[in-house]
């Protein structure tokens, strides 16, 4: 998976303490919302569960649902603007602004 993290997002994510991991949760979709990340939180570092996987990018670790890569077509960029994280891939910018919990 190509997970790109912009310099502004990387600067913010590097504030996360050692021993923690970033969990990205997404809504698989309904009529109105399709494949939007709705939550980004810092959790204790742990092994992935059977329906999860860990993605490494820019010396950061993300725990995601096992079909995360297919959902975002193996291409996702995380940016940080106006105190929110913004997610986009080559086809669209997802209509969400996520804070870090």
N, C-alpha and C. Protein backbone atom coordinates (compact mmCIF):
# COMPACT_ATOMS: atom_id res chain seq x y z
N UNK A 1 0.85 -1.19 0.00
CA UNK A 1 0.00 0.00 0.00
C UNK A 1 0.88 1.23 0.00
N UNK A 2 0.53 2.18 -0.82
CA UNK A 2 1.20 3.47 -0.84
C UNK A 2 0.46 4.39 0.13
N UNK A 3 1.02 4.57 1.31
CA UNK A 3 0.46 5.47 2.32
C UNK A 3 1.42 6.64 2.44
N UNK A 4 1.03 7.77 1.88
CA UNK A 4 1.88 8.96 1.90
C UNK A 4 1.44 9.86 3.04
N UNK A 5 2.40 10.40 3.73
CA UNK A 5 2.11 11.32 4.83
C UNK A 5 2.82 12.63 4.51
N UNK A 6 2.05 13.71 4.40
CA UNK A 6 2.64 15.00 4.06
C UNK A 6 3.52 15.48 5.22
N UNK A 7 4.44 16.40 4.94
CA UNK A 7 5.31 16.91 6.02
C UNK A 7 4.54 17.49 7.21
N UNK A 8 3.45 18.21 6.96
CA UNK A 8 2.69 18.78 8.09
C UNK A 8 2.02 17.69 8.91
N UNK A 9 1.51 16.65 8.26
CA UNK A 9 0.89 15.54 8.99
C UNK A 9 1.96 14.76 9.75
N UNK A 10 3.10 14.56 9.12
CA UNK A 10 4.18 13.81 9.77
C UNK A 10 4.65 14.53 11.03
N UNK A 11 4.76 15.85 10.95
CA UNK A 11 5.18 16.64 12.11
C UNK A 11 4.20 16.44 13.27
N UNK A 12 2.92 16.48 12.99
CA UNK A 12 1.90 16.29 14.03
C UNK A 12 1.91 14.85 14.56
N UNK A 13 2.00 13.88 13.66
CA UNK A 13 1.98 12.47 14.08
C UNK A 13 3.23 12.08 14.86
N UNK A 14 4.33 12.76 14.63
CA UNK A 14 5.56 12.45 15.37
C UNK A 14 5.48 12.89 16.83
N UNK A 15 4.42 13.60 17.20
CA UNK A 15 4.20 13.99 18.60
C UNK A 15 3.67 12.82 19.43
N UNK A 16 3.28 11.75 18.76
CA UNK A 16 2.71 10.59 19.46
C UNK A 16 3.81 9.90 20.28
N UNK A 17 3.53 9.62 21.54
CA UNK A 17 4.55 8.99 22.40
C UNK A 17 4.95 7.60 21.91
N UNK A 18 6.16 7.22 22.26
CA UNK A 18 6.65 5.88 21.94
C UNK A 18 5.78 4.85 22.64
N UNK A 19 5.62 3.70 22.02
CA UNK A 19 4.80 2.65 22.61
C UNK A 19 3.33 2.76 22.24
N UNK A 20 3.01 3.71 21.36
CA UNK A 20 1.63 3.90 20.92
C UNK A 20 1.55 3.63 19.42
N UNK A 21 0.33 3.40 18.94
CA UNK A 21 0.09 3.14 17.52
C UNK A 21 -1.17 3.91 17.12
N UNK A 22 -1.27 4.27 15.86
CA UNK A 22 -2.41 5.04 15.37
C UNK A 22 -3.43 4.07 14.78
N UNK A 23 -4.64 4.13 15.26
CA UNK A 23 -5.71 3.27 14.74
C UNK A 23 -6.61 4.11 13.85
N UNK A 24 -6.78 3.66 12.60
CA UNK A 24 -7.68 4.32 11.65
C UNK A 24 -8.92 3.45 11.50
N UNK A 25 -10.08 4.04 11.76
CA UNK A 25 -11.34 3.31 11.63
C UNK A 25 -12.14 3.95 10.51
N UNK A 26 -12.78 3.13 9.69
CA UNK A 26 -13.57 3.69 8.61
C UNK A 26 -14.93 3.05 8.51
N UNK A 27 -15.85 3.81 7.94
CA UNK A 27 -17.21 3.37 7.68
C UNK A 27 -17.20 2.72 6.32
N UNK A 28 -17.57 1.46 6.25
CA UNK A 28 -17.54 0.74 4.97
C UNK A 28 -18.57 1.26 3.98
N UNK A 29 -19.46 2.09 4.42
CA UNK A 29 -20.36 2.72 3.46
C UNK A 29 -21.82 2.45 3.69
N UNK A 30 -22.58 3.39 3.22
CA UNK A 30 -24.03 3.30 3.19
C UNK A 30 -24.42 4.10 1.96
N UNK A 31 -25.66 4.46 1.88
CA UNK A 31 -26.10 5.26 0.73
C UNK A 31 -25.44 6.63 0.72
N UNK A 32 -25.23 7.20 1.90
CA UNK A 32 -24.76 8.59 1.99
C UNK A 32 -23.25 8.72 2.16
N UNK A 33 -22.66 7.82 2.92
CA UNK A 33 -21.23 7.92 3.23
C UNK A 33 -20.57 6.64 2.75
N UNK A 34 -19.53 6.78 1.97
CA UNK A 34 -18.85 5.60 1.46
C UNK A 34 -17.37 5.65 1.84
N UNK A 35 -16.94 4.67 2.59
CA UNK A 35 -15.52 4.46 2.88
C UNK A 35 -14.82 5.69 3.47
N UNK A 36 -15.46 6.36 4.37
CA UNK A 36 -14.84 7.51 5.03
C UNK A 36 -14.18 7.08 6.33
N UNK A 37 -12.99 7.58 6.57
CA UNK A 37 -12.35 7.39 7.86
C UNK A 37 -13.09 8.29 8.84
N UNK A 38 -13.60 7.72 9.91
CA UNK A 38 -14.36 8.53 10.86
C UNK A 38 -13.64 8.71 12.19
N UNK A 39 -12.54 7.97 12.38
CA UNK A 39 -11.86 8.07 13.66
C UNK A 39 -10.37 7.76 13.47
N UNK A 40 -9.57 8.55 14.14
CA UNK A 40 -8.12 8.35 14.15
C UNK A 40 -7.71 8.53 15.60
N UNK A 41 -7.28 7.44 16.23
CA UNK A 41 -6.94 7.56 17.64
C UNK A 41 -5.63 6.87 17.96
N UNK A 42 -5.04 7.33 19.03
CA UNK A 42 -3.79 6.78 19.51
C UNK A 42 -4.13 5.73 20.56
N UNK A 43 -3.62 4.52 20.36
CA UNK A 43 -3.88 3.42 21.28
C UNK A 43 -2.55 2.78 21.68
N UNK A 44 -2.60 2.00 22.72
CA UNK A 44 -1.41 1.25 23.14
C UNK A 44 -0.98 0.34 22.00
N UNK A 45 0.32 0.26 21.77
CA UNK A 45 0.84 -0.62 20.73
C UNK A 45 0.48 -2.07 21.08
N UNK A 46 -0.05 -2.77 20.08
CA UNK A 46 -0.49 -4.15 20.30
C UNK A 46 -0.38 -4.90 18.99
N UNK A 47 -0.53 -6.20 19.09
CA UNK A 47 -0.58 -7.04 17.89
C UNK A 47 -1.92 -6.82 17.21
N UNK A 48 -1.94 -6.97 15.90
CA UNK A 48 -3.21 -6.82 15.19
C UNK A 48 -4.09 -8.04 15.45
N UNK A 49 -5.40 -7.81 15.46
CA UNK A 49 -6.35 -8.90 15.63
C UNK A 49 -6.55 -9.58 14.28
N UNK A 50 -7.34 -10.62 14.24
CA UNK A 50 -7.48 -11.42 13.02
C UNK A 50 -8.05 -10.64 11.84
N UNK A 51 -8.84 -9.60 12.10
CA UNK A 51 -9.42 -8.82 11.00
C UNK A 51 -8.71 -7.48 10.81
N UNK A 52 -7.49 -7.37 11.33
CA UNK A 52 -6.72 -6.13 11.24
C UNK A 52 -5.34 -6.41 10.65
N UNK A 53 -4.67 -5.32 10.29
CA UNK A 53 -3.27 -5.42 9.88
C UNK A 53 -2.56 -4.13 10.26
N UNK A 54 -1.25 -4.18 10.28
CA UNK A 54 -0.45 -3.00 10.61
C UNK A 54 0.25 -2.54 9.34
N UNK A 55 0.15 -1.25 9.07
CA UNK A 55 0.80 -0.62 7.92
C UNK A 55 1.89 0.31 8.45
N UNK A 56 3.07 0.24 7.86
CA UNK A 56 4.19 1.10 8.24
C UNK A 56 4.41 2.14 7.16
N UNK A 57 4.58 3.39 7.58
CA UNK A 57 4.88 4.47 6.64
C UNK A 57 5.55 5.60 7.38
N UNK A 58 6.63 6.11 6.81
CA UNK A 58 7.34 7.27 7.39
C UNK A 58 7.71 7.04 8.86
N UNK A 59 8.16 5.86 9.21
CA UNK A 59 8.51 5.49 10.58
C UNK A 59 7.34 5.57 11.55
N UNK A 60 6.13 5.50 11.02
CA UNK A 60 4.92 5.48 11.84
C UNK A 60 4.18 4.17 11.60
N UNK A 61 3.41 3.74 12.58
CA UNK A 61 2.63 2.51 12.44
C UNK A 61 1.15 2.83 12.58
N UNK A 62 0.37 2.23 11.69
CA UNK A 62 -1.08 2.40 11.68
C UNK A 62 -1.72 1.02 11.76
N UNK A 63 -2.72 0.88 12.62
CA UNK A 63 -3.46 -0.36 12.66
C UNK A 63 -4.80 -0.10 11.96
N UNK A 64 -5.11 -0.96 10.98
CA UNK A 64 -6.28 -0.75 10.13
C UNK A 64 -7.02 -2.07 9.93
N UNK A 65 -8.23 -1.98 9.42
CA UNK A 65 -9.01 -3.16 9.07
C UNK A 65 -8.30 -3.87 7.93
N UNK A 66 -8.41 -5.18 7.85
CA UNK A 66 -7.67 -5.95 6.85
C UNK A 66 -8.00 -5.58 5.40
N UNK A 67 -9.20 -5.05 5.14
CA UNK A 67 -9.52 -4.66 3.77
C UNK A 67 -9.34 -3.17 3.51
N UNK A 68 -8.63 -2.51 4.39
CA UNK A 68 -8.35 -1.08 4.27
C UNK A 68 -7.67 -0.74 2.94
N UNK A 69 -6.66 -1.51 2.56
CA UNK A 69 -5.92 -1.23 1.33
C UNK A 69 -6.82 -1.30 0.10
N UNK A 70 -7.65 -2.32 0.01
CA UNK A 70 -8.56 -2.43 -1.12
C UNK A 70 -9.56 -1.28 -1.13
N UNK A 71 -10.02 -0.90 0.04
CA UNK A 71 -11.00 0.18 0.15
C UNK A 71 -10.46 1.47 -0.44
N UNK A 72 -9.21 1.78 -0.18
CA UNK A 72 -8.60 3.02 -0.65
C UNK A 72 -7.74 2.81 -1.89
N UNK A 73 -7.96 1.71 -2.58
CA UNK A 73 -7.30 1.40 -3.85
C UNK A 73 -5.77 1.46 -3.73
N UNK A 74 -5.27 0.99 -2.58
CA UNK A 74 -3.83 0.88 -2.32
C UNK A 74 -3.11 2.23 -2.43
N UNK A 75 -3.82 3.33 -2.22
CA UNK A 75 -3.24 4.66 -2.36
C UNK A 75 -3.98 5.61 -1.43
N UNK A 76 -3.29 6.11 -0.40
CA UNK A 76 -3.91 7.06 0.51
C UNK A 76 -2.86 8.08 0.95
N UNK A 77 -3.27 9.34 0.97
CA UNK A 77 -2.42 10.42 1.46
C UNK A 77 -3.08 11.01 2.69
N UNK A 78 -2.29 11.20 3.74
CA UNK A 78 -2.76 11.85 4.96
C UNK A 78 -2.10 13.21 5.03
N UNK A 79 -2.93 14.24 5.11
CA UNK A 79 -2.44 15.62 5.21
C UNK A 79 -2.96 16.22 6.52
N UNK A 80 -2.38 17.32 6.95
CA UNK A 80 -2.81 18.01 8.16
C UNK A 80 -2.97 19.48 7.83
N UNK A 81 -4.22 19.98 7.86
CA UNK A 81 -4.52 21.37 7.54
C UNK A 81 -5.55 21.90 8.53
N UNK A 82 -5.34 23.12 8.98
CA UNK A 82 -6.30 23.79 9.87
C UNK A 82 -6.66 22.94 11.09
N UNK A 83 -5.65 22.29 11.67
CA UNK A 83 -5.80 21.47 12.88
C UNK A 83 -6.60 20.19 12.69
N UNK A 84 -6.75 19.73 11.46
CA UNK A 84 -7.45 18.48 11.17
C UNK A 84 -6.64 17.66 10.17
N UNK A 85 -6.79 16.34 10.26
CA UNK A 85 -6.21 15.45 9.26
C UNK A 85 -7.20 15.31 8.11
N UNK A 86 -6.68 15.33 6.90
CA UNK A 86 -7.48 15.20 5.68
C UNK A 86 -6.95 14.01 4.92
N UNK A 87 -7.85 13.19 4.39
CA UNK A 87 -7.47 11.97 3.69
C UNK A 87 -7.88 12.06 2.22
N UNK A 88 -6.97 11.63 1.34
CA UNK A 88 -7.29 11.65 -0.09
C UNK A 88 -6.53 10.53 -0.79
N UNK A 89 -7.06 10.10 -1.92
CA UNK A 89 -6.31 9.20 -2.78
C UNK A 89 -6.32 9.78 -4.18
N UNK A 90 -5.86 9.04 -5.14
CA UNK A 90 -5.70 9.62 -6.48
C UNK A 90 -7.03 10.01 -7.11
N UNK A 91 -8.14 9.49 -6.60
CA UNK A 91 -9.44 9.77 -7.20
C UNK A 91 -10.27 10.81 -6.48
N UNK A 92 -10.05 11.00 -5.19
CA UNK A 92 -10.91 11.92 -4.47
C UNK A 92 -10.30 12.36 -3.15
N UNK A 93 -10.84 13.47 -2.65
CA UNK A 93 -10.57 13.92 -1.29
C UNK A 93 -11.78 13.52 -0.50
N UNK A 94 -11.57 12.79 0.59
CA UNK A 94 -12.69 12.30 1.37
C UNK A 94 -13.24 13.43 2.23
N UNK A 95 -14.54 13.52 2.29
CA UNK A 95 -15.22 14.61 2.96
C UNK A 95 -15.20 14.40 4.47
N UNK A 96 -14.03 14.53 5.04
CA UNK A 96 -13.91 14.39 6.48
C UNK A 96 -12.73 15.20 6.98
N UNK A 97 -12.85 15.69 8.18
CA UNK A 97 -11.76 16.35 8.87
C UNK A 97 -11.69 15.66 10.23
N UNK A 98 -10.59 14.99 10.46
CA UNK A 98 -10.47 14.15 11.65
C UNK A 98 -9.42 14.73 12.58
N UNK A 99 -9.77 14.83 13.84
CA UNK A 99 -8.81 15.19 14.85
C UNK A 99 -8.18 13.91 15.40
N UNK A 100 -7.13 14.05 16.12
CA UNK A 100 -6.43 12.91 16.72
C UNK A 100 -6.88 12.78 18.16
N UNK A 101 -7.37 11.58 18.51
CA UNK A 101 -7.82 11.35 19.89
C UNK A 101 -6.82 10.52 20.62
